[in-house]
């Protein structure tokens, strides 16, 4: 992954026409459907899943990794090429070992609990997702203080717990859900603390690691309250983002009248935190033990039904 040339002509890149940029990266949101095409398996996928599991089973470190919905994400990521999927998964395991992800207690990083607020949610049909507010995250300070590794561990600790909870919810409800949501509130995003030249490599690494090590996990990636500076930053990292991820992405501006009606089509108010236009408070915080969080989410869902 080459990132050196990103900083060349940084000031020029900031002058890009972002109306045109957003038009090419946004997708149209729609109300959730109970059954989506990617939640089922083709006959070819089922046959290849058996072969893939047999080849990789000795390397799997978490119970959810044995499930079809986990393995099929890698198969689809590699266009049903079993050998390529095995290579990608083995790269994942090496990365996980480097981060000690399977034994990592990301809750020990108390600083990032305050700076990176993360909750889980369910849409009207019970599909889980991650909701994250980045308004207090000071990446520049993280870099200058030498805490990049801790931020990396916290971010992927959050994603890992989200994946675990996603599988728990799918199994508890008896619904084979393969992909979920990721929502990001970019309010307060600014050049000095989040889009500085020292920050850009962090963003590129996070995006690259998400795509390689959690492929096809979110079928919708939504940002709200996205100021122009965030859109300008994204123009810089866009060459490092796959076409598949771009096709799943919607970037909404700071205009609440633009994004609030769209979120209302997908989520009930009590399933979103206040800065997303909801009222959930800390009921669904990702910091809660998985059993408690899943119970809170499913209990709330039953009240809606």
C-alpha atoms as a PDB file:
ATOM      1  CA  UNK A   1       0.000   0.000   0.000  1.00  0.00           C
ATOM      2  CA  UNK A   2       1.649   3.229  -1.202  1.00  0.00           C
ATOM      3  CA  UNK A   3       0.618   6.465   0.430  1.00  0.00           C
ATOM      4  CA  UNK A   4       3.559   8.832  -0.044  1.00  0.00           C
ATOM      5  CA  UNK A   5       2.187  10.691  -3.033  1.00  0.00           C
ATOM      6  CA  UNK A   6      -1.015  11.528  -1.235  1.00  0.00           C
ATOM      7  CA  UNK A   7       0.504  14.652   0.255  1.00  0.00           C
ATOM      8  CA  UNK A   8       1.623  16.130  -3.066  1.00  0.00           C
ATOM      9  CA  UNK A   9      -0.403  19.167  -4.052  1.00  0.00           C
ATOM     10  CA  UNK A  10      -2.570  18.789  -0.955  1.00  0.00           C
ATOM     11  CA  UNK A  11      -3.815  22.363  -1.200  1.00  0.00           C
ATOM     12  CA  UNK A  12      -4.779  21.869  -4.842  1.00  0.00           C
ATOM     13  CA  UNK A  13      -6.761  18.730  -4.065  1.00  0.00           C
ATOM     14  CA  UNK A  14      -8.828  20.705  -1.589  1.00  0.00           C
ATOM     15  CA  UNK A  15     -10.234  22.767  -4.466  1.00  0.00           C
ATOM     16  CA  UNK A  16     -12.057  19.834  -6.085  1.00  0.00           C
ATOM     17  CA  UNK A  17     -15.688  20.351  -7.144  1.00  0.00           C
ATOM     18  CA  UNK A  18     -17.448  18.391  -4.395  1.00  0.00           C
ATOM     19  CA  UNK A  19     -20.953  18.633  -5.789  1.00  0.00           C
ATOM     20  CA  UNK A  20     -19.693  16.472  -8.630  1.00  0.00           C
ATOM     21  CA  UNK A  21     -17.700  14.293  -6.211  1.00  0.00           C
ATOM     22  CA  UNK A  22     -20.662  13.532  -3.950  1.00  0.00           C
ATOM     23  CA  UNK A  23     -22.881  12.805  -6.910  1.00  0.00           C
ATOM     24  CA  UNK A  24     -20.507  10.023  -7.957  1.00  0.00           C
ATOM     25  CA  UNK A  25     -20.126   8.411  -4.534  1.00  0.00           C
ATOM     26  CA  UNK A  26     -23.598   8.575  -3.010  1.00  0.00           C
ATOM     27  CA  UNK A  27     -26.206   5.888  -3.310  1.00  0.00           C
ATOM     28  CA  UNK A  28     -29.920   6.226  -2.730  1.00  0.00           C
ATOM     29  CA  UNK A  29     -31.155   5.013   0.621  1.00  0.00           C
ATOM     30  CA  UNK A  30     -34.313   2.976   0.792  1.00  0.00           C
ATOM     31  CA  UNK A  31     -36.402   1.388   3.534  1.00  0.00           C
ATOM     32  CA  UNK A  32     -35.027  -1.901   4.818  1.00  0.00           C
ATOM     33  CA  UNK A  33     -36.407  -5.106   3.403  1.00  0.00           C
ATOM     34  CA  UNK A  34     -36.976  -8.194   5.488  1.00  0.00           C
ATOM     35  CA  UNK A  35     -35.123 -10.382   2.983  1.00  0.00           C
ATOM     36  CA  UNK A  36     -32.283  -8.968   0.918  1.00  0.00           C
ATOM     37  CA  UNK A  37     -30.638 -10.840  -1.938  1.00  0.00           C
ATOM     38  CA  UNK A  38     -27.228 -11.038  -0.284  1.00  0.00           C
ATOM     39  CA  UNK A  39     -28.710 -12.785   2.783  1.00  0.00           C
ATOM     40  CA  UNK A  40     -29.143 -16.018   0.831  1.00  0.00           C
ATOM     41  CA  UNK A  41     -26.642 -18.402  -0.728  1.00  0.00           C
ATOM     42  CA  UNK A  42     -26.442 -19.763  -4.233  1.00  0.00           C
ATOM     43  CA  UNK A  43     -25.873 -23.475  -4.767  1.00  0.00           C
ATOM     44  CA  UNK A  44     -22.366 -22.692  -5.984  1.00  0.00           C
ATOM     45  CA  UNK A  45     -21.630 -20.720  -2.828  1.00  0.00           C
ATOM     46  CA  UNK A  46     -22.859 -23.516  -0.567  1.00  0.00           C
ATOM     47  CA  UNK A  47     -20.606 -26.049  -2.280  1.00  0.00           C
ATOM     48  CA  UNK A  48     -17.594 -23.733  -2.105  1.00  0.00           C
ATOM     49  CA  UNK A  49     -18.296 -22.855   1.530  1.00  0.00           C
ATOM     50  CA  UNK A  50     -17.842 -26.515   2.471  1.00  0.00           C
ATOM     51  CA  UNK A  51     -14.492 -26.594   0.684  1.00  0.00           C
ATOM     52  CA  UNK A  52     -13.352 -23.280   2.138  1.00  0.00           C
ATOM     53  CA  UNK A  53     -14.234 -24.299   5.694  1.00  0.00           C
ATOM     54  CA  UNK A  54     -12.325 -27.566   5.301  1.00  0.00           C
ATOM     55  CA  UNK A  55      -9.229 -25.720   4.091  1.00  0.00           C
ATOM     56  CA  UNK A  56      -9.223 -22.993   6.733  1.00  0.00           C
ATOM     57  CA  UNK A  57     -10.853 -24.579   9.799  1.00  0.00           C
ATOM     58  CA  UNK A  58      -7.584 -25.112  11.697  1.00  0.00           C
ATOM     59  CA  UNK A  59      -6.811 -21.384  11.516  1.00  0.00           C
ATOM     60  CA  UNK A  60     -10.190 -20.118  12.743  1.00  0.00           C
ATOM     61  CA  UNK A  61      -9.941 -18.526  16.182  1.00  0.00           C
ATOM     62  CA  UNK A  62     -13.492 -17.386  16.967  1.00  0.00           C
ATOM     63  CA  UNK A  63     -16.787 -19.332  16.964  1.00  0.00           C
ATOM     64  CA  UNK A  64     -18.448 -16.943  14.511  1.00  0.00           C
ATOM     65  CA  UNK A  65     -15.721 -17.645  11.950  1.00  0.00           C
ATOM     66  CA  UNK A  66     -17.084 -21.151  11.343  1.00  0.00           C
ATOM     67  CA  UNK A  67     -20.436 -19.759  10.232  1.00  0.00           C
ATOM     68  CA  UNK A  68     -21.443 -19.482   6.589  1.00  0.00           C
ATOM     69  CA  UNK A  69     -22.217 -15.781   6.858  1.00  0.00           C
ATOM     70  CA  UNK A  70     -18.627 -15.043   7.849  1.00  0.00           C
ATOM     71  CA  UNK A  71     -16.964 -17.311   5.308  1.00  0.00           C
ATOM     72  CA  UNK A  72     -19.164 -16.199   2.419  1.00  0.00           C
ATOM     73  CA  UNK A  73     -18.038 -12.598   2.832  1.00  0.00           C
ATOM     74  CA  UNK A  74     -14.520 -13.684   1.916  1.00  0.00           C
ATOM     75  CA  UNK A  75     -15.747 -15.849  -0.941  1.00  0.00           C
ATOM     76  CA  UNK A  76     -17.684 -12.946  -2.415  1.00  0.00           C
ATOM     77  CA  UNK A  77     -14.817 -10.572  -1.723  1.00  0.00           C
ATOM     78  CA  UNK A  78     -12.662 -12.808  -3.941  1.00  0.00           C
ATOM     79  CA  UNK A  79     -15.344 -13.505  -6.569  1.00  0.00           C
ATOM     80  CA  UNK A  80     -15.894 -17.080  -5.329  1.00  0.00           C
ATOM     81  CA  UNK A  81     -12.236 -17.985  -5.883  1.00  0.00           C
ATOM     82  CA  UNK A  82     -11.563 -20.424  -3.022  1.00  0.00           C
ATOM     83  CA  UNK A  83      -7.769 -20.210  -3.200  1.00  0.00           C
ATOM     84  CA  UNK A  84      -7.841 -16.403  -3.181  1.00  0.00           C
ATOM     85  CA  UNK A  85     -10.264 -16.447  -0.251  1.00  0.00           C
ATOM     86  CA  UNK A  86      -7.898 -18.737   1.708  1.00  0.00           C
ATOM     87  CA  UNK A  87      -4.975 -16.371   1.052  1.00  0.00           C
ATOM     88  CA  UNK A  88      -7.053 -13.360   2.155  1.00  0.00           C
ATOM     89  CA  UNK A  89      -8.161 -15.117   5.336  1.00  0.00           C
ATOM     90  CA  UNK A  90      -4.622 -16.190   6.218  1.00  0.00           C
ATOM     91  CA  UNK A  91      -3.521 -12.557   5.812  1.00  0.00           C
ATOM     92  CA  UNK A  92      -6.333 -11.663   8.191  1.00  0.00           C
ATOM     93  CA  UNK A  93      -5.081 -14.144  10.798  1.00  0.00           C
ATOM     94  CA  UNK A  94      -1.538 -12.746  10.598  1.00  0.00           C
ATOM     95  CA  UNK A  95      -2.927  -9.236  11.070  1.00  0.00           C
ATOM     96  CA  UNK A  96      -5.062 -10.373  14.003  1.00  0.00           C
ATOM     97  CA  UNK A  97      -2.032 -11.960  15.655  1.00  0.00           C
ATOM     98  CA  UNK A  98      -0.018  -8.785  15.205  1.00  0.00           C
ATOM     99  CA  UNK A  99      -2.753  -6.799  16.984  1.00  0.00           C
ATOM    100  CA  UNK A 100      -3.412  -9.598  19.509  1.00  0.00           C
ATOM    101  CA  UNK A 101      -7.015  -9.055  18.530  1.00  0.00           C
ATOM    102  CA  UNK A 102      -8.299 -12.331  19.944  1.00  0.00           C
ATOM    103  CA  UNK A 103      -7.027 -11.503  23.439  1.00  0.00           C
ATOM    104  CA  UNK A 104      -7.293  -7.727  23.229  1.00  0.00           C
ATOM    105  CA  UNK A 105      -9.310  -5.921  25.898  1.00  0.00           C
ATOM    106  CA  UNK A 106     -10.056  -2.749  23.983  1.00  0.00           C
ATOM    107  CA  UNK A 107     -12.026  -1.418  26.954  1.00  0.00           C
ATOM    108  CA  UNK A 108      -8.721  -0.608  28.639  1.00  0.00           C
ATOM    109  CA  UNK A 109      -8.228   2.337  26.290  1.00  0.00           C
ATOM    110  CA  UNK A 110     -10.344   4.717  28.335  1.00  0.00           C
ATOM    111  CA  UNK A 111      -9.236   7.791  26.397  1.00  0.00           C
ATOM    112  CA  UNK A 112     -10.885   6.569  23.208  1.00  0.00           C
ATOM    113  CA  UNK A 113     -14.120   5.663  24.959  1.00  0.00           C
ATOM    114  CA  UNK A 114     -14.661   9.397  25.363  1.00  0.00           C
ATOM    115  CA  UNK A 115     -13.363  10.427  21.952  1.00  0.00           C
ATOM    116  CA  UNK A 116     -15.017   7.758  19.818  1.00  0.00           C
ATOM    117  CA  UNK A 117     -18.595   7.110  20.884  1.00  0.00           C
ATOM    118  CA  UNK A 118     -19.863   3.803  19.469  1.00  0.00           C
ATOM    119  CA  UNK A 119     -23.242   2.115  19.738  1.00  0.00           C
ATOM    120  CA  UNK A 120     -25.101  -0.656  17.985  1.00  0.00           C
ATOM    121  CA  UNK A 121     -28.506  -0.312  16.446  1.00  0.00           C
ATOM    122  CA  UNK A 122     -31.205  -2.332  14.670  1.00  0.00           C
ATOM    123  CA  UNK A 123     -33.238  -1.155  11.711  1.00  0.00           C
ATOM    124  CA  UNK A 124     -36.984  -1.647  11.521  1.00  0.00           C
ATOM    125  CA  UNK A 125     -36.473  -5.190  10.252  1.00  0.00           C
ATOM    126  CA  UNK A 126     -33.970  -6.118  12.962  1.00  0.00           C
ATOM    127  CA  UNK A 127     -30.757  -5.792  10.936  1.00  0.00           C
ATOM    128  CA  UNK A 128     -27.833  -4.720  13.185  1.00  0.00           C
ATOM    129  CA  UNK A 129     -25.419  -1.901  12.560  1.00  0.00           C
ATOM    130  CA  UNK A 130     -22.680   0.210  14.152  1.00  0.00           C
ATOM    131  CA  UNK A 131     -23.275   3.881  14.958  1.00  0.00           C
ATOM    132  CA  UNK A 132     -20.188   6.028  15.586  1.00  0.00           C
ATOM    133  CA  UNK A 133     -19.668   9.695  16.425  1.00  0.00           C
ATOM    134  CA  UNK A 134     -16.235  11.096  15.558  1.00  0.00           C
ATOM    135  CA  UNK A 135     -16.752  14.672  16.725  1.00  0.00           C
ATOM    136  CA  UNK A 136     -14.390  14.346  19.716  1.00  0.00           C
ATOM    137  CA  UNK A 137     -11.671  12.317  18.014  1.00  0.00           C
ATOM    138  CA  UNK A 138      -8.367  14.215  17.802  1.00  0.00           C
ATOM    139  CA  UNK A 139      -6.220  12.124  15.470  1.00  0.00           C
ATOM    140  CA  UNK A 140      -3.465  14.743  15.303  1.00  0.00           C
ATOM    141  CA  UNK A 141      -2.999  14.519  19.074  1.00  0.00           C
ATOM    142  CA  UNK A 142      -3.068  10.728  18.884  1.00  0.00           C
ATOM    143  CA  UNK A 143      -0.213  10.762  16.376  1.00  0.00           C
ATOM    144  CA  UNK A 144       1.862  13.391  18.207  1.00  0.00           C
ATOM    145  CA  UNK A 145       1.480  11.579  21.533  1.00  0.00           C
ATOM    146  CA  UNK A 146       2.578   8.249  20.054  1.00  0.00           C
ATOM    147  CA  UNK A 147      -0.785   6.554  20.620  1.00  0.00           C
ATOM    148  CA  UNK A 148      -1.463   5.448  17.051  1.00  0.00           C
ATOM    149  CA  UNK A 149      -1.201   1.760  17.980  1.00  0.00           C
ATOM    150  CA  UNK A 150      -3.709   2.230  20.797  1.00  0.00           C
ATOM    151  CA  UNK A 151      -6.167   3.964  18.490  1.00  0.00           C
ATOM    152  CA  UNK A 152      -5.757   1.167  15.959  1.00  0.00           C
ATOM    153  CA  UNK A 153      -6.464  -1.446  18.631  1.00  0.00           C
ATOM    154  CA  UNK A 154      -9.495   0.432  19.905  1.00  0.00           C
ATOM    155  CA  UNK A 155     -11.029   0.938  16.454  1.00  0.00           C
ATOM    156  CA  UNK A 156     -10.664  -2.678  15.435  1.00  0.00           C
ATOM    157  CA  UNK A 157     -11.670  -3.839  18.899  1.00  0.00           C
ATOM    158  CA  UNK A 158     -14.937  -1.972  18.333  1.00  0.00           C
ATOM    159  CA  UNK A 159     -15.386  -3.495  14.882  1.00  0.00           C
ATOM    160  CA  UNK A 160     -14.590  -6.967  16.196  1.00  0.00           C
ATOM    161  CA  UNK A 161     -17.154  -6.678  18.966  1.00  0.00           C
ATOM    162  CA  UNK A 162     -19.686  -5.372  16.445  1.00  0.00           C
ATOM    163  CA  UNK A 163     -19.125  -8.443  14.274  1.00  0.00           C
ATOM    164  CA  UNK A 164     -19.485 -10.773  17.266  1.00  0.00           C
ATOM    165  CA  UNK A 165     -22.733  -9.068  18.301  1.00  0.00           C
ATOM    166  CA  UNK A 166     -23.996  -9.105  14.710  1.00  0.00           C
ATOM    167  CA  UNK A 167     -23.616 -12.873  14.585  1.00  0.00           C
ATOM    168  CA  UNK A 168     -25.200 -13.286  18.025  1.00  0.00           C
ATOM    169  CA  UNK A 169     -28.245 -11.270  16.954  1.00  0.00           C
ATOM    170  CA  UNK A 170     -28.571 -13.150  13.682  1.00  0.00           C
ATOM    171  CA  UNK A 171     -28.395 -16.497  15.472  1.00  0.00           C
ATOM    172  CA  UNK A 172     -30.728 -15.439  18.307  1.00  0.00           C
ATOM    173  CA  UNK A 173     -33.400 -14.269  15.873  1.00  0.00           C
ATOM    174  CA  UNK A 174     -33.021 -17.205  13.511  1.00  0.00           C
ATOM    175  CA  UNK A 175     -32.436 -14.879  10.549  1.00  0.00           C
ATOM    176  CA  UNK A 176     -29.488 -15.461   8.255  1.00  0.00           C
ATOM    177  CA  UNK A 177     -28.209 -11.890   7.990  1.00  0.00           C
ATOM    178  CA  UNK A 178     -24.871 -11.547   6.234  1.00  0.00           C
ATOM    179  CA  UNK A 179     -24.302  -7.793   6.024  1.00  0.00           C
ATOM    180  CA  UNK A 180     -25.264  -4.856   8.243  1.00  0.00           C
ATOM    181  CA  UNK A 181     -24.887  -1.085   8.559  1.00  0.00           C
ATOM    182  CA  UNK A 182     -22.258   1.429   9.597  1.00  0.00           C
ATOM    183  CA  UNK A 183     -23.291   5.021  10.389  1.00  0.00           C
ATOM    184  CA  UNK A 184     -20.862   7.848  11.117  1.00  0.00           C
ATOM    185  CA  UNK A 185     -21.541  11.339  12.466  1.00  0.00           C
ATOM    186  CA  UNK A 186     -18.857  13.686  11.116  1.00  0.00           C
ATOM    187  CA  UNK A 187     -20.070  16.812  12.943  1.00  0.00           C
ATOM    188  CA  UNK A 188     -17.150  18.979  14.019  1.00  0.00           C
ATOM    189  CA  UNK A 189     -14.713  17.293  11.627  1.00  0.00           C
ATOM    190  CA  UNK A 190     -11.908  19.774  11.002  1.00  0.00           C
ATOM    191  CA  UNK A 191      -8.595  20.225   9.223  1.00  0.00           C
ATOM    192  CA  UNK A 192      -6.401  20.725  12.283  1.00  0.00           C
ATOM    193  CA  UNK A 193      -7.276  17.690  14.389  1.00  0.00           C
ATOM    194  CA  UNK A 194      -8.700  15.180  11.923  1.00  0.00           C
ATOM    195  CA  UNK A 195      -7.593  16.016   8.382  1.00  0.00           C
ATOM    196  CA  UNK A 196      -4.005  17.224   8.872  1.00  0.00           C
ATOM    197  CA  UNK A 197      -1.166  15.711   6.856  1.00  0.00           C
ATOM    198  CA  UNK A 198      -0.196  13.564   9.860  1.00  0.00           C
ATOM    199  CA  UNK A 199      -3.788  12.265  10.055  1.00  0.00           C
ATOM    200  CA  UNK A 200      -4.223  11.157   6.447  1.00  0.00           C
ATOM    201  CA  UNK A 201      -2.104   7.952   6.653  1.00  0.00           C
ATOM    202  CA  UNK A 202      -4.224   6.854   9.623  1.00  0.00           C
ATOM    203  CA  UNK A 203      -7.446   7.208   7.637  1.00  0.00           C
ATOM    204  CA  UNK A 204      -5.959   5.338   4.684  1.00  0.00           C
ATOM    205  CA  UNK A 205      -4.771   2.497   6.918  1.00  0.00           C
ATOM    206  CA  UNK A 206      -8.127   2.191   8.680  1.00  0.00           C
ATOM    207  CA  UNK A 207     -10.030   2.057   5.395  1.00  0.00           C
ATOM    208  CA  UNK A 208      -7.586  -0.426   3.870  1.00  0.00           C
ATOM    209  CA  UNK A 209      -7.662  -2.699   6.933  1.00  0.00           C
ATOM    210  CA  UNK A 210     -11.463  -2.615   7.076  1.00  0.00           C
ATOM    211  CA  UNK A 211     -11.748  -3.609   3.423  1.00  0.00           C
ATOM    212  CA  UNK A 212      -9.203  -6.442   3.664  1.00  0.00           C
ATOM    213  CA  UNK A 213     -10.018  -7.845   7.086  1.00  0.00           C
ATOM    214  CA  UNK A 214     -13.772  -7.211   7.383  1.00  0.00           C
ATOM    215  CA  UNK A 215     -14.804  -7.464   3.727  1.00  0.00           C
ATOM    216  CA  UNK A 216     -18.449  -7.088   2.750  1.00  0.00           C
ATOM    217  CA  UNK A 217     -19.521  -6.600   6.372  1.00  0.00           C
ATOM    218  CA  UNK A 218     -21.594  -3.441   5.859  1.00  0.00           C
ATOM    219  CA  UNK A 219     -23.909  -3.186   2.891  1.00  0.00           C
ATOM    220  CA  UNK A 220     -24.564   0.468   3.781  1.00  0.00           C
ATOM    221  CA  UNK A 221     -21.938   2.965   4.922  1.00  0.00           C
ATOM    222  CA  UNK A 222     -23.556   6.295   5.786  1.00  0.00           C
ATOM    223  CA  UNK A 223     -21.982   9.545   6.967  1.00  0.00           C
ATOM    224  CA  UNK A 224     -24.068  12.462   8.215  1.00  0.00           C
ATOM    225  CA  UNK A 225     -23.152  16.056   9.094  1.00  0.00           C
ATOM    226  CA  UNK A 226     -20.204  15.798   6.725  1.00  0.00           C
ATOM    227  CA  UNK A 227     -18.567  19.238   6.366  1.00  0.00           C
ATOM    228  CA  UNK A 228     -16.687  20.217   3.231  1.00  0.00           C
ATOM    229  CA  UNK A 229     -13.337  19.488   4.829  1.00  0.00           C
ATOM    230  CA  UNK A 230     -14.355  15.847   5.329  1.00  0.00           C
ATOM    231  CA  UNK A 231     -15.435  15.614   1.715  1.00  0.00           C
ATOM    232  CA  UNK A 232     -12.075  17.082   0.710  1.00  0.00           C
ATOM    233  CA  UNK A 233     -10.230  14.543   2.836  1.00  0.00           C
ATOM    234  CA  UNK A 234     -12.242  11.763   1.269  1.00  0.00           C
ATOM    235  CA  UNK A 235     -11.265  12.982  -2.176  1.00  0.00           C
ATOM    236  CA  UNK A 236      -7.657  12.312  -1.161  1.00  0.00           C
ATOM    237  CA  UNK A 237      -8.224   8.812   0.187  1.00  0.00           C
ATOM    238  CA  UNK A 238     -10.766   7.855  -2.493  1.00  0.00           C
ATOM    239  CA  UNK A 239      -8.099   6.306  -4.785  1.00  0.00           C
ATOM    240  CA  UNK A 240      -7.378   3.830  -1.980  1.00  0.00           C
ATOM    241  CA  UNK A 241     -11.030   2.814  -1.624  1.00  0.00           C
ATOM    242  CA  UNK A 242     -12.431  -0.066  -3.677  1.00  0.00           C
ATOM    243  CA  UNK A 243     -15.288   0.385  -6.085  1.00  0.00           C
ATOM    244  CA  UNK A 244     -17.331  -2.058  -4.012  1.00  0.00           C
ATOM    245  CA  UNK A 245     -17.013   0.105  -0.885  1.00  0.00           C
ATOM    246  CA  UNK A 246     -17.766   3.279  -2.836  1.00  0.00           C
ATOM    247  CA  UNK A 247     -20.952   1.684  -4.168  1.00  0.00           C
ATOM    248  CA  UNK A 248     -22.116   1.150  -0.563  1.00  0.00           C
ATOM    249  CA  UNK A 249     -21.336   4.677   0.597  1.00  0.00           C
ATOM    250  CA  UNK A 250     -23.647   7.649   1.111  1.00  0.00           C
ATOM    251  CA  UNK A 251     -22.189  10.978   2.232  1.00  0.00           C
ATOM    252  CA  UNK A 252     -24.694  13.465   3.650  1.00  0.00           C
ATOM    253  CA  UNK A 253     -23.864  17.097   4.305  1.00  0.00           C
ATOM    254  CA  UNK A 254     -24.486  19.074   7.504  1.00  0.00           C
ATOM    255  CA  UNK A 255     -28.056  19.735   6.376  1.00  0.00           C
ATOM    256  CA  UNK A 256     -30.225  17.758   8.800  1.00  0.00           C
ATOM    257  CA  UNK A 257     -33.230  18.045   6.516  1.00  0.00           C
ATOM    258  CA  UNK A 258     -31.237  16.019   3.996  1.00  0.00           C
ATOM    259  CA  UNK A 259     -30.242  13.039   6.162  1.00  0.00           C
ATOM    260  CA  UNK A 260     -32.834  12.875   8.971  1.00  0.00           C
ATOM    261  CA  UNK A 261     -35.794  11.820   6.756  1.00  0.00           C
ATOM    262  CA  UNK A 262     -33.640   9.111   5.206  1.00  0.00           C
ATOM    263  CA  UNK A 263     -32.561   7.689   8.565  1.00  0.00           C
ATOM    264  CA  UNK A 264     -36.192   7.819   9.716  1.00  0.00           C
ATOM    265  CA  UNK A 265     -37.048   5.422   6.894  1.00  0.00           C
ATOM    266  CA  UNK A 266     -34.596   2.870   8.239  1.00  0.00           C
ATOM    267  CA  UNK A 267     -34.418   3.265  12.043  1.00  0.00           C
ATOM    268  CA  UNK A 268     -36.830   4.033  14.854  1.00  0.00           C
ATOM    269  CA  UNK A 269     -35.942   7.007  17.041  1.00  0.00           C
ATOM    270  CA  UNK A 270     -35.274   4.858  20.120  1.00  0.00           C
ATOM    271  CA  UNK A 271     -32.572   2.910  18.232  1.00  0.00           C
ATOM    272  CA  UNK A 272     -30.362   5.919  17.465  1.00  0.00           C
ATOM    273  CA  UNK A 273     -28.370   8.233  19.779  1.00  0.00           C
ATOM    274  CA  UNK A 274     -29.390  11.867  20.088  1.00  0.00           C
ATOM    275  CA  UNK A 275     -26.760  13.232  17.694  1.00  0.00           C
ATOM    276  CA  UNK A 276     -28.275  11.007  14.999  1.00  0.00           C
ATOM    277  CA  UNK A 277     -31.737  12.383  15.709  1.00  0.00           C
ATOM    278  CA  UNK A 278     -32.684   9.597  18.111  1.00  0.00           C
ATOM    279  CA  UNK A 279     -33.163   9.037  21.832  1.00  0.00           C
ATOM    280  CA  UNK A 280     -31.330   5.807  22.748  1.00  0.00           C
ATOM    281  CA  UNK A 281     -28.786   7.273  25.182  1.00  0.00           C
ATOM    282  CA  UNK A 282     -26.255   4.656  26.335  1.00  0.00           C
ATOM    283  CA  UNK A 283     -28.695   1.737  26.195  1.00  0.00           C
ATOM    284  CA  UNK A 284     -26.928   0.222  23.204  1.00  0.00           C
ATOM    285  CA  UNK A 285     -23.308   1.230  23.871  1.00  0.00           C
ATOM    286  CA  UNK A 286     -20.735  -1.077  22.282  1.00  0.00           C
ATOM    287  CA  UNK A 287     -18.926  -0.982  25.638  1.00  0.00           C
ATOM    288  CA  UNK A 288     -21.657  -3.067  27.270  1.00  0.00           C
ATOM    289  CA  UNK A 289     -21.073  -6.814  27.631  1.00  0.00           C
ATOM    290  CA  UNK A 290     -22.295  -8.565  24.488  1.00  0.00           C
ATOM    291  CA  UNK A 291     -25.077 -10.518  26.223  1.00  0.00           C
ATOM    292  CA  UNK A 292     -26.450  -7.356  27.828  1.00  0.00           C
ATOM    293  CA  UNK A 293     -26.237  -5.296  24.654  1.00  0.00           C
ATOM    294  CA  UNK A 294     -27.881  -7.951  22.490  1.00  0.00           C
ATOM    295  CA  UNK A 295     -30.642  -8.403  25.067  1.00  0.00           C
ATOM    296  CA  UNK A 296     -31.271  -4.652  25.171  1.00  0.00           C
ATOM    297  CA  UNK A 297     -31.486  -4.455  21.394  1.00  0.00           C
ATOM    298  CA  UNK A 298     -33.751  -7.467  20.951  1.00  0.00           C
ATOM    299  CA  UNK A 299     -36.037  -6.498  23.850  1.00  0.00           C
ATOM    300  CA  UNK A 300     -36.482  -3.070  22.317  1.00  0.00           C
ATOM    301  CA  UNK A 301     -37.164  -4.629  18.919  1.00  0.00           C
ATOM    302  CA  UNK A 302     -39.912  -6.852  20.307  1.00  0.00           C
ATOM    303  CA  UNK A 303     -41.669  -3.771  21.691  1.00  0.00           C
ATOM    304  CA  UNK A 304     -41.755  -2.316  18.172  1.00  0.00           C
ATOM    305  CA  UNK A 305     -43.249  -5.431  16.613  1.00  0.00           C
END
